[in-house]
Amino acid sequence: MNPIFLKVDKGERKISRYIYGHFAEHLGRCIYEGIWVGEDSPIPNTRGIMTALQYAGEFRRYQSYCRHLGGKRLYKIACGQDDEWNEIVMREAAKFMDGLSVHYYTFMRGQPTA
């Protein structure tokens, strides 16, 4: 593993807020197992993808830890898929989110790609 050093006290450059945002799902497994959990996962799933009901529960749980910092607004965007998934997520977690980013997952050799 290569170390990364951040010199936060330097303030030499400003990073555009438009290019460095991340969805929790894109951060790998650092927050929770992610949408792709694998077919053998104990997490409820359909063909290896977390069920919409399970995802909505995870979104509700983890969004409560997200806060606005330094007067900047944090937008809480959930991941969407197909119409059925989106309906369930919106029904269960809409009041906790600012938006829904629709993804379409395809499978290649048993692994999902967005």
PDB file of N, CA and C in Angstrom:
ATOM      1  N   MET A   1       0.846  -1.169   0.000  1.00  0.00           N
ATOM      2  CA  MET A   1       0.000   0.000   0.000  1.00  0.00           C
ATOM      3  C   MET A   1       0.894   1.236   0.000  1.00  0.00           C
ATOM      4  N   ASN A   2       0.592   2.207  -0.856  1.00  0.00           N
ATOM      5  CA  ASN A   2       1.343   3.450  -0.930  1.00  0.00           C
ATOM      6  C   ASN A   2       0.721   4.499  -0.025  1.00  0.00           C
ATOM      7  N   PRO A   3       1.543   5.183   0.770  1.00  0.00           N
ATOM      8  CA  PRO A   3       0.991   6.229   1.647  1.00  0.00           C
ATOM      9  C   PRO A   3       0.661   7.490   0.857  1.00  0.00           C
ATOM     10  N   ILE A   4      -0.331   8.204   1.314  1.00  0.00           N
ATOM     11  CA  ILE A   4      -0.703   9.499   0.742  1.00  0.00           C
ATOM     12  C   ILE A   4      -0.623  10.514   1.863  1.00  0.00           C
ATOM     13  N   PHE A   5       0.060  11.614   1.614  1.00  0.00           N
ATOM     14  CA  PHE A   5       0.202  12.659   2.616  1.00  0.00           C
ATOM     15  C   PHE A   5      -0.549  13.897   2.161  1.00  0.00           C
ATOM     16  N   LEU A   6      -1.438  14.385   2.987  1.00  0.00           N
ATOM     17  CA  LEU A   6      -2.200  15.588   2.689  1.00  0.00           C
ATOM     18  C   LEU A   6      -1.655  16.746   3.508  1.00  0.00           C
ATOM     19  N   LYS A   7      -1.269  17.807   2.830  1.00  0.00           N
ATOM     20  CA  LYS A   7      -0.766  18.994   3.512  1.00  0.00           C
ATOM     21  C   LYS A   7      -1.913  20.005   3.581  1.00  0.00           C
ATOM     22  N   VAL A   8      -2.827  19.744   4.485  1.00  0.00           N
ATOM     23  CA  VAL A   8      -4.048  20.549   4.561  1.00  0.00           C
ATOM     24  C   VAL A   8      -3.791  21.976   5.017  1.00  0.00           C
ATOM     25  N   ASP A   9      -2.664  22.225   5.649  1.00  0.00           N
ATOM     26  CA  ASP A   9      -2.354  23.576   6.118  1.00  0.00           C
ATOM     27  C   ASP A   9      -1.771  24.459   5.020  1.00  0.00           C
ATOM     28  N   LYS A  10      -1.394  23.903   3.879  1.00  0.00           N
ATOM     29  CA  LYS A  10      -0.774  24.670   2.799  1.00  0.00           C
ATOM     30  C   LYS A  10      -1.777  25.538   2.044  1.00  0.00           C
ATOM     31  N   GLY A  11      -2.902  24.959   1.652  1.00  0.00           N
ATOM     32  CA  GLY A  11      -3.929  25.723   0.939  1.00  0.00           C
ATOM     33  C   GLY A  11      -3.460  26.323  -0.365  1.00  0.00           C
ATOM     34  N   GLU A  12      -2.583  25.628  -1.088  1.00  0.00           N
ATOM     35  CA  GLU A  12      -2.034  26.164  -2.329  1.00  0.00           C
ATOM     36  C   GLU A  12      -3.022  26.116  -3.495  1.00  0.00           C
ATOM     37  N   ARG A  13      -3.858  25.116  -3.526  1.00  0.00           N
ATOM     38  CA  ARG A  13      -4.801  24.945  -4.635  1.00  0.00           C
ATOM     39  C   ARG A  13      -6.195  24.699  -4.080  1.00  0.00           C
ATOM     40  N   LYS A  14      -7.167  25.087  -4.858  1.00  0.00           N
ATOM     41  CA  LYS A  14      -8.555  24.824  -4.486  1.00  0.00           C
ATOM     42  C   LYS A  14      -9.070  23.705  -5.380  1.00  0.00           C
ATOM     43  N   ILE A  15      -9.607  22.654  -4.770  1.00  0.00           N
ATOM     44  CA  ILE A  15     -10.159  21.532  -5.532  1.00  0.00           C
ATOM     45  C   ILE A  15     -11.613  21.853  -5.856  1.00  0.00           C
ATOM     46  N   SER A  16     -11.948  21.730  -7.131  1.00  0.00           N
ATOM     47  CA  SER A  16     -13.306  22.016  -7.560  1.00  0.00           C
ATOM     48  C   SER A  16     -14.287  21.058  -6.906  1.00  0.00           C
ATOM     49  N   ARG A  17     -15.351  21.573  -6.347  1.00  0.00           N
ATOM     50  CA  ARG A  17     -16.371  20.731  -5.723  1.00  0.00           C
ATOM     51  C   ARG A  17     -17.155  19.934  -6.759  1.00  0.00           C
ATOM     52  N   TYR A  18     -16.999  20.287  -8.026  1.00  0.00           N
ATOM     53  CA  TYR A  18     -17.753  19.614  -9.077  1.00  0.00           C
ATOM     54  C   TYR A  18     -17.084  18.336  -9.571  1.00  0.00           C
ATOM     55  N   ILE A  19     -15.823  18.117  -9.241  1.00  0.00           N
ATOM     56  CA  ILE A  19     -15.158  16.933  -9.782  1.00  0.00           C
ATOM     57  C   ILE A  19     -14.694  15.936  -8.737  1.00  0.00           C
ATOM     58  N   TYR A  20     -14.755  16.267  -7.461  1.00  0.00           N
ATOM     59  CA  TYR A  20     -14.233  15.358  -6.449  1.00  0.00           C
ATOM     60  C   TYR A  20     -15.277  14.851  -5.471  1.00  0.00           C
ATOM     61  N   GLY A  21     -16.523  14.800  -5.858  1.00  0.00           N
ATOM     62  CA  GLY A  21     -17.542  14.199  -4.996  1.00  0.00           C
ATOM     63  C   GLY A  21     -17.530  12.697  -5.173  1.00  0.00           C
ATOM     64  N   HIS A  22     -17.965  11.979  -4.169  1.00  0.00           N
ATOM     65  CA  HIS A  22     -18.010  10.520  -4.254  1.00  0.00           C
ATOM     66  C   HIS A  22     -19.299   9.999  -3.660  1.00  0.00           C
ATOM     67  N   PHE A  23     -19.818   8.953  -4.246  1.00  0.00           N
ATOM     68  CA  PHE A  23     -20.923   8.213  -3.659  1.00  0.00           C
ATOM     69  C   PHE A  23     -20.319   7.182  -2.721  1.00  0.00           C
ATOM     70  N   ALA A  24     -20.999   6.896  -1.654  1.00  0.00           N
ATOM     71  CA  ALA A  24     -20.490   5.898  -0.708  1.00  0.00           C
ATOM     72  C   ALA A  24     -20.217   4.572  -1.415  1.00  0.00           C
ATOM     73  N   GLU A  25     -21.048   4.216  -2.389  1.00  0.00           N
ATOM     74  CA  GLU A  25     -20.872   2.944  -3.093  1.00  0.00           C
ATOM     75  C   GLU A  25     -19.572   2.922  -3.885  1.00  0.00           C
ATOM     76  N   HIS A  26     -19.076   4.082  -4.287  1.00  0.00           N
ATOM     77  CA  HIS A  26     -17.856   4.138  -5.085  1.00  0.00           C
ATOM     78  C   HIS A  26     -16.607   4.112  -4.226  1.00  0.00           C
ATOM     79  N   LEU A  27     -16.766   4.149  -2.927  1.00  0.00           N
ATOM     80  CA  LEU A  27     -15.623   4.133  -2.030  1.00  0.00           C
ATOM     81  C   LEU A  27     -15.246   2.719  -1.609  1.00  0.00           C
ATOM     82  N   GLY A  28     -15.722   1.747  -2.343  1.00  0.00           N
ATOM     83  CA  GLY A  28     -15.398   0.370  -2.000  1.00  0.00           C
ATOM     84  C   GLY A  28     -16.213  -0.094  -0.805  1.00  0.00           C
ATOM     85  N   ARG A  29     -15.569  -0.750   0.121  1.00  0.00           N
ATOM     86  CA  ARG A  29     -16.276  -1.311   1.268  1.00  0.00           C
ATOM     87  C   ARG A  29     -15.936  -0.583   2.562  1.00  0.00           C
ATOM     88  N   CYS A  30     -15.542   0.678   2.461  1.00  0.00           N
ATOM     89  CA  CYS A  30     -15.133   1.383   3.674  1.00  0.00           C
ATOM     90  C   CYS A  30     -16.319   1.817   4.526  1.00  0.00           C
ATOM     91  N   ILE A  31     -17.494   1.960   3.964  1.00  0.00           N
ATOM     92  CA  ILE A  31     -18.649   2.395   4.739  1.00  0.00           C
ATOM     93  C   ILE A  31     -19.562   1.218   5.044  1.00  0.00           C
ATOM     94  N   TYR A  32     -19.916   0.460   4.048  1.00  0.00           N
ATOM     95  CA  TYR A  32     -20.654  -0.783   4.246  1.00  0.00           C
ATOM     96  C   TYR A  32     -20.323  -1.674   3.070  1.00  0.00           C
ATOM     97  N   GLU A  33     -20.929  -2.800   2.951  1.00  0.00           N
ATOM     98  CA  GLU A  33     -20.529  -3.780   1.939  1.00  0.00           C
ATOM     99  C   GLU A  33     -20.721  -3.315   0.493  1.00  0.00           C
ATOM    100  N   GLY A  34     -21.398  -2.205   0.267  1.00  0.00           N
ATOM    101  CA  GLY A  34     -21.633  -1.745  -1.095  1.00  0.00           C
ATOM    102  C   GLY A  34     -22.849  -2.427  -1.698  1.00  0.00           C
ATOM    103  N   ILE A  35     -23.254  -1.999  -2.867  1.00  0.00           N
ATOM    104  CA  ILE A  35     -24.429  -2.590  -3.515  1.00  0.00           C
ATOM    105  C   ILE A  35     -24.123  -4.021  -3.964  1.00  0.00           C
ATOM    106  N   TRP A  36     -22.928  -4.253  -4.531  1.00  0.00           N
ATOM    107  CA  TRP A  36     -22.540  -5.605  -4.933  1.00  0.00           C
ATOM    108  C   TRP A  36     -22.027  -6.320  -3.698  1.00  0.00           C
ATOM    109  N   VAL A  37     -22.754  -7.316  -3.232  1.00  0.00           N
ATOM    110  CA  VAL A  37     -22.365  -8.060  -2.030  1.00  0.00           C
ATOM    111  C   VAL A  37     -21.990  -9.502  -2.339  1.00  0.00           C
ATOM    112  N   GLY A  38     -22.256  -9.940  -3.564  1.00  0.00           N
ATOM    113  CA  GLY A  38     -21.953 -11.308  -3.959  1.00  0.00           C
ATOM    114  C   GLY A  38     -23.123 -12.243  -3.679  1.00  0.00           C
ATOM    115  N   GLU A  39     -23.248 -13.238  -4.499  1.00  0.00           N
ATOM    116  CA  GLU A  39     -24.382 -14.165  -4.389  1.00  0.00           C
ATOM    117  C   GLU A  39     -24.372 -14.983  -3.109  1.00  0.00           C
ATOM    118  N   ASP A  40     -23.199 -15.205  -2.522  1.00  0.00           N
ATOM    119  CA  ASP A  40     -23.090 -16.013  -1.305  1.00  0.00           C
ATOM    120  C   ASP A  40     -23.105 -15.169  -0.031  1.00  0.00           C
ATOM    121  N   SER A  41     -23.386 -13.895  -0.170  1.00  0.00           N
ATOM    122  CA  SER A  41     -23.372 -12.983   0.983  1.00  0.00           C
ATOM    123  C   SER A  41     -24.542 -13.261   1.926  1.00  0.00           C
ATOM    124  N   PRO A  42     -24.331 -13.078   3.232  1.00  0.00           N
ATOM    125  CA  PRO A  42     -25.442 -13.179   4.179  1.00  0.00           C
ATOM    126  C   PRO A  42     -26.388 -11.973   4.081  1.00  0.00           C
ATOM    127  N   ILE A  43     -25.946 -10.922   3.375  1.00  0.00           N
ATOM    128  CA  ILE A  43     -26.786  -9.741   3.165  1.00  0.00           C
ATOM    129  C   ILE A  43     -27.836 -10.093   2.112  1.00  0.00           C
ATOM    130  N   PRO A  44     -29.117  -9.784   2.340  1.00  0.00           N
ATOM    131  CA  PRO A  44     -30.149 -10.105   1.353  1.00  0.00           C
ATOM    132  C   PRO A  44     -29.795  -9.537  -0.025  1.00  0.00           C
ATOM    133  N   ASN A  45     -29.832 -10.398  -1.055  1.00  0.00           N
ATOM    134  CA  ASN A  45     -29.428  -9.962  -2.396  1.00  0.00           C
ATOM    135  C   ASN A  45     -30.163 -10.731  -3.470  1.00  0.00           C
ATOM    136  N   THR A  46     -30.141 -10.172  -4.658  1.00  0.00           N
ATOM    137  CA  THR A  46     -30.667 -10.821  -5.853  1.00  0.00           C
ATOM    138  C   THR A  46     -29.524 -10.863  -6.856  1.00  0.00           C
ATOM    139  N   ARG A  47     -29.082 -12.064  -7.208  1.00  0.00           N
ATOM    140  CA  ARG A  47     -27.949 -12.254  -8.112  1.00  0.00           C
ATOM    141  C   ARG A  47     -26.727 -11.455  -7.673  1.00  0.00           C
ATOM    142  N   GLY A  48     -26.513 -11.350  -6.364  1.00  0.00           N
ATOM    143  CA  GLY A  48     -25.322 -10.692  -5.838  1.00  0.00           C
ATOM    144  C   GLY A  48     -25.468  -9.210  -5.554  1.00  0.00           C
ATOM    145  N   ILE A  49     -26.587  -8.619  -5.961  1.00  0.00           N
ATOM    146  CA  ILE A  49     -26.821  -7.191  -5.716  1.00  0.00           C
ATOM    147  C   ILE A  49     -27.748  -7.056  -4.513  1.00  0.00           C
ATOM    148  N   MET A  50     -27.351  -6.211  -3.556  1.00  0.00           N
ATOM    149  CA  MET A  50     -28.151  -5.979  -2.360  1.00  0.00           C
ATOM    150  C   MET A  50     -29.593  -5.656  -2.759  1.00  0.00           C
ATOM    151  N   THR A  51     -30.557  -6.181  -2.021  1.00  0.00           N
ATOM    152  CA  THR A  51     -31.956  -5.889  -2.331  1.00  0.00           C
ATOM    153  C   THR A  51     -32.249  -4.410  -2.072  1.00  0.00           C
ATOM    154  N   ALA A  52     -33.248  -3.893  -2.747  1.00  0.00           N
ATOM    155  CA  ALA A  52     -33.623  -2.485  -2.605  1.00  0.00           C
ATOM    156  C   ALA A  52     -34.040  -2.169  -1.172  1.00  0.00           C
ATOM    157  N   LEU A  53     -34.759  -3.075  -0.551  1.00  0.00           N
ATOM    158  CA  LEU A  53     -35.197  -2.852   0.824  1.00  0.00           C
ATOM    159  C   LEU A  53     -33.995  -2.789   1.773  1.00  0.00           C
ATOM    160  N   GLN A  54     -33.035  -3.673   1.580  1.00  0.00           N
ATOM    161  CA  GLN A  54     -31.812  -3.661   2.399  1.00  0.00           C
ATOM    162  C   GLN A  54     -31.030  -2.370   2.151  1.00  0.00           C
ATOM    163  N   TYR A  55     -30.894  -1.974   0.869  1.00  0.00           N
ATOM    164  CA  TYR A  55     -30.164  -0.751   0.543  1.00  0.00           C
ATOM    165  C   TYR A  55     -30.833   0.476   1.163  1.00  0.00           C
ATOM    166  N   ALA A  56     -32.153   0.547   1.086  1.00  0.00           N
ATOM    167  CA  ALA A  56     -32.875   1.688   1.674  1.00  0.00           C
ATOM    168  C   ALA A  56     -32.602   1.772   3.175  1.00  0.00           C
ATOM    169  N   GLY A  57     -32.565   0.632   3.838  1.00  0.00           N
ATOM    170  CA  GLY A  57     -32.248   0.610   5.266  1.00  0.00           C
ATOM    171  C   GLY A  57     -30.829   1.093   5.541  1.00  0.00           C
ATOM    172  N   GLU A  58     -29.871   0.663   4.709  1.00  0.00           N
ATOM    173  CA  GLU A  58     -28.487   1.114   4.862  1.00  0.00           C
ATOM    174  C   GLU A  58     -28.390   2.616   4.599  1.00  0.00           C
ATOM    175  N   PHE A  59     -29.090   3.090   3.577  1.00  0.00           N
ATOM    176  CA  PHE A  59     -29.062   4.518   3.271  1.00  0.00           C
ATOM    177  C   PHE A  59     -29.617   5.325   4.437  1.00  0.00           C
ATOM    178  N   ARG A  60     -30.759   4.908   4.971  1.00  0.00           N
ATOM    179  CA  ARG A  60     -31.353   5.623   6.115  1.00  0.00           C
ATOM    180  C   ARG A  60     -30.384   5.648   7.294  1.00  0.00           C
ATOM    181  N   ARG A  61     -29.738   4.525   7.531  1.00  0.00           N
ATOM    182  CA  ARG A  61     -28.835   4.433   8.675  1.00  0.00           C
ATOM    183  C   ARG A  61     -27.604   5.328   8.499  1.00  0.00           C
ATOM    184  N   TYR A  62     -26.940   5.221   7.357  1.00  0.00           N
ATOM    185  CA  TYR A  62     -25.682   5.948   7.177  1.00  0.00           C
ATOM    186  C   TYR A  62     -25.872   7.426   6.858  1.00  0.00           C
ATOM    187  N   GLN A  63     -26.991   7.818   6.291  1.00  0.00           N
ATOM    188  CA  GLN A  63     -27.193   9.237   5.994  1.00  0.00           C
ATOM    189  C   GLN A  63     -27.257  10.058   7.271  1.00  0.00           C
ATOM    190  N   SER A  64     -27.638   9.423   8.367  1.00  0.00           N
ATOM    191  CA  SER A  64     -27.739  10.157   9.628  1.00  0.00           C
ATOM    192  C   SER A  64     -26.375  10.616  10.142  1.00  0.00           C
ATOM    193  N   TYR A  65     -25.289  10.014   9.648  1.00  0.00           N
ATOM    194  CA  TYR A  65     -23.944  10.411  10.056  1.00  0.00           C
ATOM    195  C   TYR A  65     -23.393  11.557   9.210  1.00  0.00           C
ATOM    196  N   CYS A  66     -24.032  11.832   8.075  1.00  0.00           N
ATOM    197  CA  CYS A  66     -23.546  12.868   7.158  1.00  0.00           C
ATOM    198  C   CYS A  66     -24.004  14.240   7.627  1.00  0.00           C
ATOM    199  N   ARG A  67     -23.084  15.181   7.696  1.00  0.00           N
ATOM    200  CA  ARG A  67     -23.393  16.524   8.176  1.00  0.00           C
ATOM    201  C   ARG A  67     -22.864  17.572   7.207  1.00  0.00           C
ATOM    202  N   HIS A  68     -23.492  18.736   7.214  1.00  0.00           N
ATOM    203  CA  HIS A  68     -22.982  19.888   6.477  1.00  0.00           C
ATOM    204  C   HIS A  68     -21.766  20.404   7.242  1.00  0.00           C
ATOM    205  N   LEU A  69     -20.673  20.666   6.553  1.00  0.00           N
ATOM    206  CA  LEU A  69     -19.458  21.143   7.213  1.00  0.00           C
ATOM    207  C   LEU A  69     -19.030  22.497   6.659  1.00  0.00           C
ATOM    208  N   GLY A  70     -18.587  23.359   7.520  1.00  0.00           N
ATOM    209  CA  GLY A  70     -18.061  24.651   7.091  1.00  0.00           C
ATOM    210  C   GLY A  70     -19.036  25.486   6.294  1.00  0.00           C
ATOM    211  N   GLY A  71     -20.316  25.363   6.599  1.00  0.00           N
ATOM    212  CA  GLY A  71     -21.311  26.141   5.877  1.00  0.00           C
ATOM    213  C   GLY A  71     -21.618  25.631   4.478  1.00  0.00           C
ATOM    214  N   LYS A  72     -21.054  24.497   4.101  1.00  0.00           N
ATOM    215  CA  LYS A  72     -21.278  23.909   2.771  1.00  0.00           C
ATOM    216  C   LYS A  72     -22.346  22.836   2.867  1.00  0.00           C
ATOM    217  N   ARG A  73     -23.259  22.830   1.909  1.00  0.00           N
ATOM    218  CA  ARG A  73     -24.344  21.851   1.912  1.00  0.00           C
ATOM    219  C   ARG A  73     -23.857  20.523   1.367  1.00  0.00           C
ATOM    220  N   LEU A  74     -24.195  19.470   2.060  1.00  0.00           N
ATOM    221  CA  LEU A  74     -23.899  18.109   1.632  1.00  0.00           C
ATOM    222  C   LEU A  74     -25.174  17.527   1.031  1.00  0.00           C
ATOM    223  N   TYR A  75     -25.099  17.058  -0.202  1.00  0.00           N
ATOM    224  CA  TYR A  75     -26.258  16.459  -0.849  1.00  0.00           C
ATOM    225  C   TYR A  75     -26.200  14.954  -0.685  1.00  0.00           C
ATOM    226  N   LYS A  76     -27.286  14.377  -0.237  1.00  0.00           N
ATOM    227  CA  LYS A  76     -27.378  12.938  -0.005  1.00  0.00           C
ATOM    228  C   LYS A  76     -28.077  12.301  -1.207  1.00  0.00           C
ATOM    229  N   ILE A  77     -27.297  11.601  -2.015  1.00  0.00           N
ATOM    230  CA  ILE A  77     -27.791  11.008  -3.253  1.00  0.00           C
ATOM    231  C   ILE A  77     -27.779   9.491  -3.115  1.00  0.00           C
ATOM    232  N   ALA A  78     -28.925   8.880  -3.310  1.00  0.00           N
ATOM    233  CA  ALA A  78     -29.033   7.418  -3.254  1.00  0.00           C
ATOM    234  C   ALA A  78     -28.808   6.842  -4.650  1.00  0.00           C
ATOM    235  N   CYS A  79     -28.456   5.568  -4.696  1.00  0.00           N
ATOM    236  CA  CYS A  79     -28.271   4.882  -5.979  1.00  0.00           C
ATOM    237  C   CYS A  79     -29.571   4.232  -6.417  1.00  0.00           C
ATOM    238  N   GLY A  80     -29.867   4.359  -7.676  1.00  0.00           N
ATOM    239  CA  GLY A  80     -31.053   3.736  -8.241  1.00  0.00           C
ATOM    240  C   GLY A  80     -30.668   2.691  -9.265  1.00  0.00           C
ATOM    241  N   GLN A  81     -31.640   1.891  -9.671  1.00  0.00           N
ATOM    242  CA  GLN A  81     -31.394   0.877 -10.701  1.00  0.00           C
ATOM    243  C   GLN A  81     -32.569   0.845 -11.662  1.00  0.00           C
ATOM    244  N   ASP A  82     -33.429  -0.140 -11.472  1.00  0.00           N
ATOM    245  CA  ASP A  82     -34.598  -0.249 -12.348  1.00  0.00           C
ATOM    246  C   ASP A  82     -35.821   0.338 -11.639  1.00  0.00           C
ATOM    247  N   ASP A  83     -36.953   0.348 -12.325  1.00  0.00           N
ATOM    248  CA  ASP A  83     -38.153   0.980 -11.767  1.00  0.00           C
ATOM    249  C   ASP A  83     -38.586   0.373 -10.439  1.00  0.00           C
ATOM    250  N   GLU A  84     -38.564  -0.954 -10.346  1.00  0.00           N
ATOM    251  CA  GLU A  84     -38.990  -1.605  -9.104  1.00  0.00           C
ATOM    252  C   GLU A  84     -38.065  -1.226  -7.945  1.00  0.00           C
ATOM    253  N   TRP A  85     -36.754  -1.291  -8.176  1.00  0.00           N
ATOM    254  CA  TRP A  85     -35.762  -0.904  -7.161  1.00  0.00           C
ATOM    255  C   TRP A  85     -36.008   0.541  -6.730  1.00  0.00           C
ATOM    256  N   ASN A  86     -36.143   1.442  -7.706  1.00  0.00           N
ATOM    257  CA  ASN A  86     -36.315   2.869  -7.407  1.00  0.00           C
ATOM    258  C   ASN A  86     -37.573   3.127  -6.582  1.00  0.00           C
ATOM    259  N   GLU A  87     -38.658   2.445  -6.920  1.00  0.00           N
ATOM    260  CA  GLU A  87     -39.904   2.619  -6.159  1.00  0.00           C
ATOM    261  C   GLU A  87     -39.731   2.213  -4.705  1.00  0.00           C
ATOM    262  N   ILE A  88     -39.058   1.101  -4.473  1.00  0.00           N
ATOM    263  CA  ILE A  88     -38.848   0.634  -3.100  1.00  0.00           C
ATOM    264  C   ILE A  88     -37.947   1.597  -2.332  1.00  0.00           C
ATOM    265  N   VAL A  89     -36.829   1.995  -2.941  1.00  0.00           N
ATOM    266  CA  VAL A  89     -35.907   2.923  -2.274  1.00  0.00           C
ATOM    267  C   VAL A  89     -36.598   4.255  -1.990  1.00  0.00           C
ATOM    268  N   MET A  90     -37.353   4.764  -2.953  1.00  0.00           N
ATOM    269  CA  MET A  90     -38.047   6.044  -2.744  1.00  0.00           C
ATOM    270  C   MET A  90     -39.114   5.914  -1.654  1.00  0.00           C
ATOM    271  N   ARG A  91     -39.834   4.818  -1.653  1.00  0.00           N
ATOM    272  CA  ARG A  91     -40.862   4.612  -0.633  1.00  0.00           C
ATOM    273  C   ARG A  91     -40.247   4.563   0.766  1.00  0.00           C
ATOM    274  N   GLU A  92     -39.120   3.889   0.883  1.00  0.00           N
ATOM    275  CA  GLU A  92     -38.517   3.638   2.195  1.00  0.00           C
ATOM    276  C   GLU A  92     -37.570   4.742   2.677  1.00  0.00           C
ATOM    277  N   ALA A  93     -36.970   5.516   1.744  1.00  0.00           N
ATOM    278  CA  ALA A  93     -35.922   6.448   2.185  1.00  0.00           C
ATOM    279  C   ALA A  93     -35.984   7.836   1.557  1.00  0.00           C
ATOM    280  N   ALA A  94     -37.009   8.147   0.783  1.00  0.00           N
ATOM    281  CA  ALA A  94     -37.052   9.430   0.061  1.00  0.00           C
ATOM    282  C   ALA A  94     -36.915  10.642   0.972  1.00  0.00           C
ATOM    283  N   LYS A  95     -37.500  10.603   2.149  1.00  0.00           N
ATOM    284  CA  LYS A  95     -37.462  11.790   3.007  1.00  0.00           C
ATOM    285  C   LYS A  95     -36.066  12.047   3.568  1.00  0.00           C
ATOM    286  N   PHE A  96     -35.133  11.111   3.372  1.00  0.00           N
ATOM    287  CA  PHE A  96     -33.765  11.273   3.869  1.00  0.00           C
ATOM    288  C   PHE A  96     -32.778  11.634   2.763  1.00  0.00           C
ATOM    289  N   MET A  97     -33.229  11.706   1.515  1.00  0.00           N
ATOM    290  CA  MET A  97     -32.306  11.932   0.398  1.00  0.00           C
ATOM    291  C   MET A  97     -32.626  13.203  -0.368  1.00  0.00           C
ATOM    292  N   ASP A  98     -31.608  13.707  -1.067  1.00  0.00           N
ATOM    293  CA  ASP A  98     -31.765  14.883  -1.923  1.00  0.00           C
ATOM    294  C   ASP A  98     -31.906  14.494  -3.389  1.00  0.00           C
ATOM    295  N   GLY A  99     -31.567  13.277  -3.733  1.00  0.00           N
ATOM    296  CA  GLY A  99     -31.648  12.854  -5.117  1.00  0.00           C
ATOM    297  C   GLY A  99     -31.449  11.361  -5.257  1.00  0.00           C
ATOM    298  N   LEU A 100     -31.645  10.885  -6.483  1.00  0.00           N
ATOM    299  CA  LEU A 100     -31.488   9.465  -6.805  1.00  0.00           C
ATOM    300  C   LEU A 100     -30.689   9.379  -8.099  1.00  0.00           C
ATOM    301  N   SER A 101     -29.527   8.756  -8.048  1.00  0.00           N
ATOM    302  CA  SER A 101     -28.680   8.572  -9.226  1.00  0.00           C
ATOM    303  C   SER A 101     -28.957   7.184  -9.780  1.00  0.00           C
ATOM    304  N   VAL A 102     -29.498   7.116 -10.979  1.00  0.00           N
ATOM    305  CA  VAL A 102     -29.899   5.828 -11.542  1.00  0.00           C
ATOM    306  C   VAL A 102     -28.709   5.164 -12.224  1.00  0.00           C
ATOM    307  N   HIS A 103     -28.425   3.936 -11.817  1.00  0.00           N
ATOM    308  CA  HIS A 103     -27.354   3.118 -12.377  1.00  0.00           C
ATOM    309  C   HIS A 103     -27.970   1.943 -13.113  1.00  0.00           C
ATOM    310  N   TYR A 104     -27.274   1.475 -14.119  1.00  0.00           N
ATOM    311  CA  TYR A 104     -27.686   0.250 -14.790  1.00  0.00           C
ATOM    312  C   TYR A 104     -26.502  -0.703 -14.701  1.00  0.00           C
ATOM    313  N   TYR A 105     -26.681  -1.816 -14.036  1.00  0.00           N
ATOM    314  CA  TYR A 105     -25.604  -2.774 -13.850  1.00  0.00           C
ATOM    315  C   TYR A 105     -25.725  -3.910 -14.849  1.00  0.00           C
ATOM    316  N   THR A 106     -24.610  -4.245 -15.466  1.00  0.00           N
ATOM    317  CA  THR A 106     -24.542  -5.405 -16.343  1.00  0.00           C
ATOM    318  C   THR A 106     -23.546  -6.380 -15.724  1.00  0.00           C
ATOM    319  N   PHE A 107     -23.586  -7.622 -16.150  1.00  0.00           N
ATOM    320  CA  PHE A 107     -22.715  -8.623 -15.557  1.00  0.00           C
ATOM    321  C   PHE A 107     -21.797  -9.211 -16.602  1.00  0.00           C
ATOM    322  N   MET A 108     -20.549  -9.397 -16.184  1.00  0.00           N
ATOM    323  CA  MET A 108     -19.551  -9.989 -17.041  1.00  0.00           C
ATOM    324  C   MET A 108     -18.713 -10.943 -16.197  1.00  0.00           C
ATOM    325  N   ARG A 109     -18.745 -12.197 -16.510  1.00  0.00           N
ATOM    326  CA  ARG A 109     -18.005 -13.202 -15.745  1.00  0.00           C
ATOM    327  C   ARG A 109     -18.357 -13.177 -14.256  1.00  0.00           C
ATOM    328  N   GLY A 110     -19.627 -12.936 -13.934  1.00  0.00           N
ATOM    329  CA  GLY A 110     -20.065 -12.997 -12.556  1.00  0.00           C
ATOM    330  C   GLY A 110     -19.842 -11.746 -11.735  1.00  0.00           C
ATOM    331  N   GLN A 111     -19.212 -10.711 -12.306  1.00  0.00           N
ATOM    332  CA  GLN A 111     -18.961  -9.481 -11.565  1.00  0.00           C
ATOM    333  C   GLN A 111     -19.732  -8.327 -12.204  1.00  0.00           C
ATOM    334  N   PRO A 112     -20.284  -7.431 -11.396  1.00  0.00           N
ATOM    335  CA  PRO A 112     -21.032  -6.309 -11.961  1.00  0.00           C
ATOM    336  C   PRO A 112     -20.122  -5.215 -12.456  1.00  0.00           C
ATOM    337  N   THR A 113     -20.574  -4.507 -13.475  1.00  0.00           N
ATOM    338  CA  THR A 113     -19.903  -3.299 -13.941  1.00  0.00           C
ATOM    339  C   THR A 113     -20.969  -2.243 -14.122  1.00  0.00           C
ATOM    340  N   ALA A 114     -20.664  -1.027 -13.748  1.00  0.00           N
ATOM    341  CA  ALA A 114     -21.648   0.057 -13.865  1.00  0.00           C
ATOM    342  C   ALA A 114     -21.515   0.715 -15.221  1.00  0.00           C
TER     343      ALA A 114
END
